[in-house]
């Protein structure tokens, strides 16, 4: 098959050597191309290549993003009901139990075990419940995924996910007027909000006798450079699980619509996380998160800053945030168009 370079897909096998216009040898016959190979051919202005016939010829359009299964949606809403019950119990002064937490959180993770497209999950799973409950479930999910991407054991990943699920339980002790205030908080109000970390630590420590989960509730707003709260911990003073949950917490908070904040685009927020990895968030954990999230954007529809609408067909290995976009029969390499940005992403 003689095809244009931009019609290549990962896994295609070259049947002849590829050279650029100056005769430089780029790839040998027999190479099974990956995303970086395709991008390299494109950068060298190679237009056509010869590939072996594909066993199952697929449409040139990216596959439609899989719909989130009904079982996933049900598990998500059951998990939100569970965190509501946990908040209510904690607010009433009742002791929490591991059975209560695991019966709500573990079925959610079991439902998502084989689901790799985290972006579709975040775009699709929404609730009419208030931000705090949906955020708790998202942070639990994302913390679990990050732990798995870091090659943690299933047992450890579940613990980290559970820590993310409970990280904000102390907010049950904060007044609703402050939590849902639409305007800027006063210094006194912000100081009161910060206490949710201490309240969460006390609730978990006293109920579950679980020091690690309690520490995550206490430390998830601490930052490596000491600018976080409540104790201004730095670097190695912060528990490793708290560092994971912090990345999940920041990401979920930024992509969520709240009374004082419009919902922001998922890719924009990844760029913000990348910026925060230089001093505030753990750089290794943040890079693991970004590296595993980016491939999920392939096939997603995007609106560009100049008004055009297209589909992401390939990520750029040298600049994750400026992928290759297909608009009708044209391809735009955003790494070559610095004045065009992705404005929004949808399934």
Protein backbone atom coordinates (compact mmCIF):
# COMPACT_ATOMS: atom_id res chain seq x y z
CA UNK A 1 0.00 0.00 0.00
CA UNK A 2 1.31 3.42 -0.99
CA UNK A 3 -0.14 5.91 1.50
CA UNK A 4 0.39 9.44 2.77
CA UNK A 5 2.42 9.69 5.97
CA UNK A 6 -0.52 11.27 7.78
CA UNK A 7 -2.59 8.17 7.04
CA UNK A 8 -0.12 5.95 8.91
CA UNK A 9 -1.29 4.37 12.13
CA UNK A 10 0.76 2.89 14.93
CA UNK A 11 1.56 -0.72 14.06
CA UNK A 12 1.85 -0.26 10.28
CA UNK A 13 4.85 -2.11 8.80
CA UNK A 14 7.07 -0.43 6.20
CA UNK A 15 7.95 -2.54 3.16
CA UNK A 16 10.57 -0.16 1.79
CA UNK A 17 13.22 2.16 3.23
CA UNK A 18 12.21 5.78 3.89
CA UNK A 19 14.43 8.77 3.04
CA UNK A 20 13.96 12.50 3.40
CA UNK A 21 14.25 14.94 0.48
CA UNK A 22 18.01 15.23 1.05
CA UNK A 23 18.51 11.47 0.83
CA UNK A 24 18.98 10.91 4.57
CA UNK A 25 17.92 7.39 5.55
CA UNK A 26 15.18 7.59 8.18
CA UNK A 27 13.53 4.18 8.62
CA UNK A 28 14.31 0.73 7.25
CA UNK A 29 11.98 -1.69 5.51
CA UNK A 30 10.39 -3.96 8.09
CA UNK A 31 10.03 -1.22 10.71
CA UNK A 32 6.77 -1.39 12.64
CA UNK A 33 6.07 2.29 13.17
CA UNK A 34 5.10 3.91 16.44
CA UNK A 35 3.84 7.44 17.12
CA UNK A 36 7.36 8.93 17.32
CA UNK A 37 8.27 7.35 13.95
CA UNK A 38 5.22 8.91 12.28
CA UNK A 39 5.95 12.29 13.80
CA UNK A 40 9.59 12.05 12.69
CA UNK A 41 8.60 11.26 9.08
CA UNK A 42 6.22 14.21 9.16
CA UNK A 43 8.91 16.56 10.47
CA UNK A 44 11.26 15.47 7.66
CA UNK A 45 8.53 16.34 5.13
CA UNK A 46 8.22 12.75 3.90
CA UNK A 47 4.92 12.58 2.02
CA UNK A 48 4.39 8.93 1.06
CA UNK A 49 5.55 5.55 2.31
CA UNK A 50 4.91 1.93 1.35
CA UNK A 51 3.38 -0.34 3.98
CA UNK A 52 2.32 -3.97 4.17
CA UNK A 53 -1.42 -4.60 3.77
CA UNK A 54 -3.27 -4.25 7.05
CA UNK A 55 -4.84 -7.46 8.30
CA UNK A 56 -8.03 -5.66 9.25
CA UNK A 57 -8.36 -2.47 7.27
CA UNK A 58 -9.78 0.24 9.51
CA UNK A 59 -11.46 3.53 8.80
CA UNK A 60 -9.09 6.44 8.42
CA UNK A 61 -11.19 8.42 10.89
CA UNK A 62 -10.24 7.81 14.53
CA UNK A 63 -12.52 5.37 16.26
CA UNK A 64 -15.38 6.87 18.18
CA UNK A 65 -14.64 7.11 21.87
CA UNK A 66 -16.21 4.22 23.74
CA UNK A 67 -19.35 5.07 25.64
CA UNK A 68 -19.14 4.72 29.37
CA UNK A 69 -20.97 1.54 30.37
CA UNK A 70 -24.15 1.65 32.41
CA UNK A 71 -22.41 -0.43 35.10
CA UNK A 72 -19.73 2.27 35.39
CA UNK A 73 -22.35 4.99 35.74
CA UNK A 74 -24.23 3.03 38.41
CA UNK A 75 -21.01 2.35 40.34
CA UNK A 76 -20.10 6.04 40.14
CA UNK A 77 -23.44 7.15 41.56
CA UNK A 78 -23.37 4.45 44.24
CA UNK A 79 -19.94 5.72 45.26
CA UNK A 80 -21.28 9.28 45.51
CA UNK A 81 -24.12 8.01 47.71
CA UNK A 82 -21.47 6.28 49.83
CA UNK A 83 -19.38 9.41 50.35
CA UNK A 84 -22.54 11.35 51.25
CA UNK A 85 -23.30 8.79 53.96
CA UNK A 86 -19.69 8.98 55.19
CA UNK A 87 -19.84 12.80 55.41
CA UNK A 88 -23.19 12.64 57.21
CA UNK A 89 -21.90 10.10 59.74
CA UNK A 90 -18.73 12.11 60.38
CA UNK A 91 -20.68 15.35 60.78
CA UNK A 92 -23.00 13.66 63.30
CA UNK A 93 -20.01 12.44 65.29
CA UNK A 94 -20.57 8.78 64.43
CA UNK A 95 -17.50 6.60 63.96
CA UNK A 96 -16.64 5.60 60.40
CA UNK A 97 -15.98 1.96 59.60
CA UNK A 98 -13.79 0.28 57.01
CA UNK A 99 -16.83 -1.75 55.91
CA UNK A 100 -18.76 1.45 55.14
CA UNK A 101 -15.91 2.87 53.07
CA UNK A 102 -14.99 -0.32 51.22
CA UNK A 103 -18.61 -1.18 50.36
CA UNK A 104 -18.86 2.20 48.57
CA UNK A 105 -15.38 2.55 47.05
CA UNK A 106 -14.22 -0.97 46.15
CA UNK A 107 -17.14 -1.75 43.74
CA UNK A 108 -16.30 1.46 41.85
CA UNK A 109 -12.71 0.35 41.33
CA UNK A 110 -13.80 -3.19 40.42
CA UNK A 111 -16.08 -1.68 37.77
CA UNK A 112 -13.23 0.40 36.30
CA UNK A 113 -10.42 -2.16 36.51
CA UNK A 114 -10.41 -2.86 32.75
CA UNK A 115 -11.18 0.74 31.75
CA UNK A 116 -8.13 2.52 30.37
CA UNK A 117 -9.73 5.63 28.87
CA UNK A 118 -9.69 7.82 31.95
CA UNK A 119 -10.39 10.93 29.87
CA UNK A 120 -13.72 9.54 28.65
CA UNK A 121 -14.61 8.65 32.23
CA UNK A 122 -13.92 12.17 33.44
CA UNK A 123 -15.86 13.71 30.55
CA UNK A 124 -18.83 11.38 30.92
CA UNK A 125 -19.29 10.71 34.62
CA UNK A 126 -21.10 13.67 36.09
CA UNK A 127 -23.55 14.11 38.91
CA UNK A 128 -26.09 16.71 39.97
CA UNK A 129 -24.72 16.39 43.50
CA UNK A 130 -22.61 19.19 44.88
CA UNK A 131 -18.96 19.55 43.99
CA UNK A 132 -17.55 18.10 47.22
CA UNK A 133 -19.06 14.64 46.74
CA UNK A 134 -18.26 14.31 43.02
CA UNK A 135 -14.75 15.62 43.66
CA UNK A 136 -14.15 13.02 46.39
CA UNK A 137 -15.07 10.18 44.02
CA UNK A 138 -12.93 11.61 41.18
CA UNK A 139 -9.91 11.99 43.45
CA UNK A 140 -10.33 8.43 44.71
CA UNK A 141 -10.49 7.12 41.12
CA UNK A 142 -7.54 9.18 39.91
CA UNK A 143 -5.39 8.34 42.94
CA UNK A 144 -5.99 4.64 42.27
CA UNK A 145 -5.08 5.01 38.59
CA UNK A 146 -1.91 6.98 39.35
CA UNK A 147 -0.83 4.33 41.86
CA UNK A 148 -1.35 1.59 39.25
CA UNK A 149 0.55 3.61 36.63
CA UNK A 150 3.40 3.83 39.16
CA UNK A 151 3.37 0.00 39.34
CA UNK A 152 2.07 -0.14 42.88
CA UNK A 153 0.51 -3.44 43.96
CA UNK A 154 -3.27 -3.79 43.80
CA UNK A 155 -3.48 -3.71 47.60
CA UNK A 156 -1.40 -0.52 47.83
CA UNK A 157 -3.27 1.12 44.94
CA UNK A 158 -6.59 0.44 46.69
CA UNK A 159 -5.27 2.02 49.88
CA UNK A 160 -4.12 5.10 47.96
CA UNK A 161 -7.46 5.27 46.14
CA UNK A 162 -9.30 5.02 49.45
CA UNK A 163 -7.11 7.81 50.83
CA UNK A 164 -8.12 9.97 47.87
CA UNK A 165 -11.79 9.07 48.40
CA UNK A 166 -11.62 10.25 52.05
CA UNK A 167 -9.21 13.18 51.62
CA UNK A 168 -11.87 15.88 52.04
CA UNK A 169 -14.01 14.25 54.74
CA UNK A 170 -13.05 17.06 57.13
CA UNK A 171 -15.15 19.46 55.02
CA UNK A 172 -18.22 18.05 56.78
CA UNK A 173 -17.16 20.25 59.71
CA UNK A 174 -16.93 23.46 57.62
CA UNK A 175 -19.98 25.70 57.33
CA UNK A 176 -21.91 25.49 54.05
CA UNK A 177 -21.82 29.28 53.73
CA UNK A 178 -18.04 29.23 53.47
CA UNK A 179 -17.83 26.07 51.33
CA UNK A 180 -20.23 27.44 48.71
CA UNK A 181 -19.43 31.14 48.90
CA UNK A 182 -19.48 32.42 45.29
CA UNK A 183 -17.02 35.26 45.87
CA UNK A 184 -13.49 35.58 47.17
CA UNK A 185 -12.97 34.28 50.69
CA UNK A 186 -11.80 36.61 53.43
CA UNK A 187 -8.59 35.72 55.27
CA UNK A 188 -10.61 34.41 58.21
CA UNK A 189 -12.79 32.29 55.89
CA UNK A 190 -9.75 30.86 54.11
CA UNK A 191 -8.18 30.02 57.47
CA UNK A 192 -11.40 28.21 58.36
CA UNK A 193 -11.37 26.25 55.06
CA UNK A 194 -7.80 25.14 55.77
CA UNK A 195 -8.99 23.46 58.96
CA UNK A 196 -10.73 20.74 56.92
CA UNK A 197 -7.35 19.00 56.68
CA UNK A 198 -7.03 18.86 60.47
CA UNK A 199 -10.67 17.85 60.93
CA UNK A 200 -10.21 15.07 58.35
CA UNK A 201 -7.12 13.80 60.14
CA UNK A 202 -8.96 13.68 63.45
CA UNK A 203 -12.06 11.98 62.02
CA UNK A 204 -10.08 9.21 60.30
CA UNK A 205 -7.57 8.75 63.11
CA UNK A 206 -10.27 8.49 65.78
CA UNK A 207 -12.68 6.35 63.73
CA UNK A 208 -10.47 3.98 61.79
CA UNK A 209 -7.25 4.10 63.83
CA UNK A 210 -5.61 4.37 60.41
CA UNK A 211 -2.58 6.65 60.46
CA UNK A 212 -1.76 6.61 56.74
CA UNK A 213 -5.26 7.57 55.55
CA UNK A 214 -5.38 10.22 58.26
CA UNK A 215 -2.02 11.67 57.15
CA UNK A 216 -3.25 11.99 53.56
CA UNK A 217 -6.31 13.92 54.76
CA UNK A 218 -3.96 16.18 56.71
CA UNK A 219 -1.28 16.66 54.04
CA UNK A 220 -3.00 16.70 50.62
CA UNK A 221 -2.65 20.50 50.43
CA UNK A 222 1.02 20.52 51.44
CA UNK A 223 3.46 21.46 48.68
CA UNK A 224 7.09 20.47 48.09
CA UNK A 225 8.28 24.08 48.37
CA UNK A 226 6.55 24.61 51.73
CA UNK A 227 3.83 26.91 50.38
CA UNK A 228 0.97 24.53 51.24
CA UNK A 229 -1.07 24.06 54.40
CA UNK A 230 -1.80 23.39 57.24
CA UNK A 231 1.73 22.72 58.54
CA UNK A 232 3.90 24.10 55.67
CA UNK A 233 5.56 20.71 55.27
CA UNK A 234 8.30 20.38 52.63
CA UNK A 235 9.62 17.67 50.33
CA UNK A 236 10.39 14.46 52.22
CA UNK A 237 8.33 15.62 55.21
CA UNK A 238 5.23 14.83 53.15
CA UNK A 239 3.98 11.21 52.98
CA UNK A 240 4.37 9.65 49.52
CA UNK A 241 0.64 8.82 49.35
CA UNK A 242 -0.18 12.47 50.08
CA UNK A 243 1.94 13.48 47.08
CA UNK A 244 -0.08 11.17 44.81
CA UNK A 245 -3.44 12.35 46.13
CA UNK A 246 -2.30 15.97 45.77
CA UNK A 247 -1.88 15.54 42.00
CA UNK A 248 -5.31 13.90 41.69
CA UNK A 249 -6.86 16.58 43.91
CA UNK A 250 -5.48 19.50 41.93
CA UNK A 251 -6.50 17.97 38.60
CA UNK A 252 -10.05 17.17 39.69
CA UNK A 253 -10.49 20.59 41.31
CA UNK A 254 -9.38 22.40 38.17
CA UNK A 255 -11.60 20.47 35.74
CA UNK A 256 -14.70 20.91 37.91
CA UNK A 257 -17.26 23.70 37.69
CA UNK A 258 -17.76 25.38 41.03
CA UNK A 259 -19.69 28.40 42.27
CA UNK A 260 -16.58 30.58 41.90
CA UNK A 261 -14.89 28.82 38.97
CA UNK A 262 -15.86 27.82 35.43
CA UNK A 263 -15.00 24.30 34.32
CA UNK A 264 -11.62 24.28 32.61
CA UNK A 265 -10.47 22.09 29.75
CA UNK A 266 -8.78 18.80 30.62
CA UNK A 267 -5.73 19.44 28.44
CA UNK A 268 -5.31 22.99 29.75
CA UNK A 269 -5.28 21.63 33.30
CA UNK A 270 -2.60 19.07 32.41
CA UNK A 271 -0.45 22.00 31.27
CA UNK A 272 -1.08 23.73 34.59
CA UNK A 273 -0.09 20.56 36.47
CA UNK A 274 3.11 20.45 34.41
CA UNK A 275 3.85 24.03 35.51
CA UNK A 276 3.16 23.14 39.16
CA UNK A 277 5.56 20.18 38.97
CA UNK A 278 8.42 22.71 39.08
CA UNK A 279 8.35 23.25 42.84
CA UNK A 280 4.87 22.46 44.16
CA UNK A 281 3.72 19.01 43.01
CA UNK A 282 6.00 15.98 42.89
CA UNK A 283 7.55 16.02 39.38
CA UNK A 284 7.83 12.25 38.94
CA UNK A 285 4.22 11.61 39.96
CA UNK A 286 2.99 14.48 37.79
CA UNK A 287 4.92 13.20 34.78
CA UNK A 288 3.51 9.69 35.25
CA UNK A 289 0.01 11.17 35.37
CA UNK A 290 0.49 13.33 32.26
CA UNK A 291 2.21 10.56 30.29
CA UNK A 292 -0.66 8.15 30.94
CA UNK A 293 -3.44 10.68 30.36
CA UNK A 294 -2.20 12.11 27.06
CA UNK A 295 -2.76 9.00 24.84
CA UNK A 296 -6.42 8.99 25.91
CA UNK A 297 -6.94 12.25 24.03
CA UNK A 298 -6.47 10.53 20.64
CA UNK A 299 -9.85 10.40 18.90
CA UNK A 300 -11.33 13.21 20.99
CA UNK A 301 -13.01 16.14 19.24
CA UNK A 302 -11.43 19.54 19.82
CA UNK A 303 -12.34 23.18 19.26
CA UNK A 304 -9.38 25.38 18.38
CA UNK A 305 -8.77 28.97 19.42
CA UNK A 306 -9.35 30.13 15.82
CA UNK A 307 -12.85 28.58 15.74
CA UNK A 308 -12.04 25.44 13.75
CA UNK A 309 -13.18 22.02 14.96
CA UNK A 310 -11.28 18.78 14.43
CA UNK A 311 -10.11 15.51 15.96
CA UNK A 312 -6.83 14.63 17.70
CA UNK A 313 -5.19 11.90 15.62
CA UNK A 314 -1.73 11.74 17.15
CA UNK A 315 0.08 13.01 20.20
CA UNK A 316 3.38 14.80 19.82
CA UNK A 317 6.13 12.99 21.78
CA UNK A 318 8.19 16.19 22.07
CA UNK A 319 5.28 18.45 23.11
CA UNK A 320 2.38 16.58 24.69
CA UNK A 321 0.14 19.64 24.61
CA UNK A 322 0.35 20.38 20.88
CA UNK A 323 -0.92 17.26 19.06
CA UNK A 324 -1.72 16.56 15.40
CA UNK A 325 -5.29 17.57 14.52
CA UNK A 326 -7.39 16.37 11.58
CA UNK A 327 -9.93 18.83 10.17
CA UNK A 328 -11.90 17.33 7.28
CA UNK A 329 -9.10 16.11 4.97
CA UNK A 330 -6.42 18.43 6.33
CA UNK A 331 -3.92 17.83 9.11
CA UNK A 332 -2.63 20.52 11.46
CA UNK A 333 0.54 19.99 13.48
CA UNK A 334 0.00 22.35 16.40
CA UNK A 335 3.68 22.14 17.27
CA UNK A 336 4.26 24.10 14.04
CA UNK A 337 1.39 26.57 14.65
CA UNK A 338 2.29 28.35 17.86
CA UNK A 339 -0.54 30.91 17.52
CA UNK A 340 -3.28 28.24 17.58
CA UNK A 341 -4.35 26.59 20.82
CA UNK A 342 -6.85 23.88 21.80
CA UNK A 343 -9.80 25.70 23.37
CA UNK A 344 -11.88 22.71 24.49
CA UNK A 345 -12.13 18.92 24.24
CA UNK A 346 -15.17 16.65 24.13
CA UNK A 347 -15.82 12.94 23.63
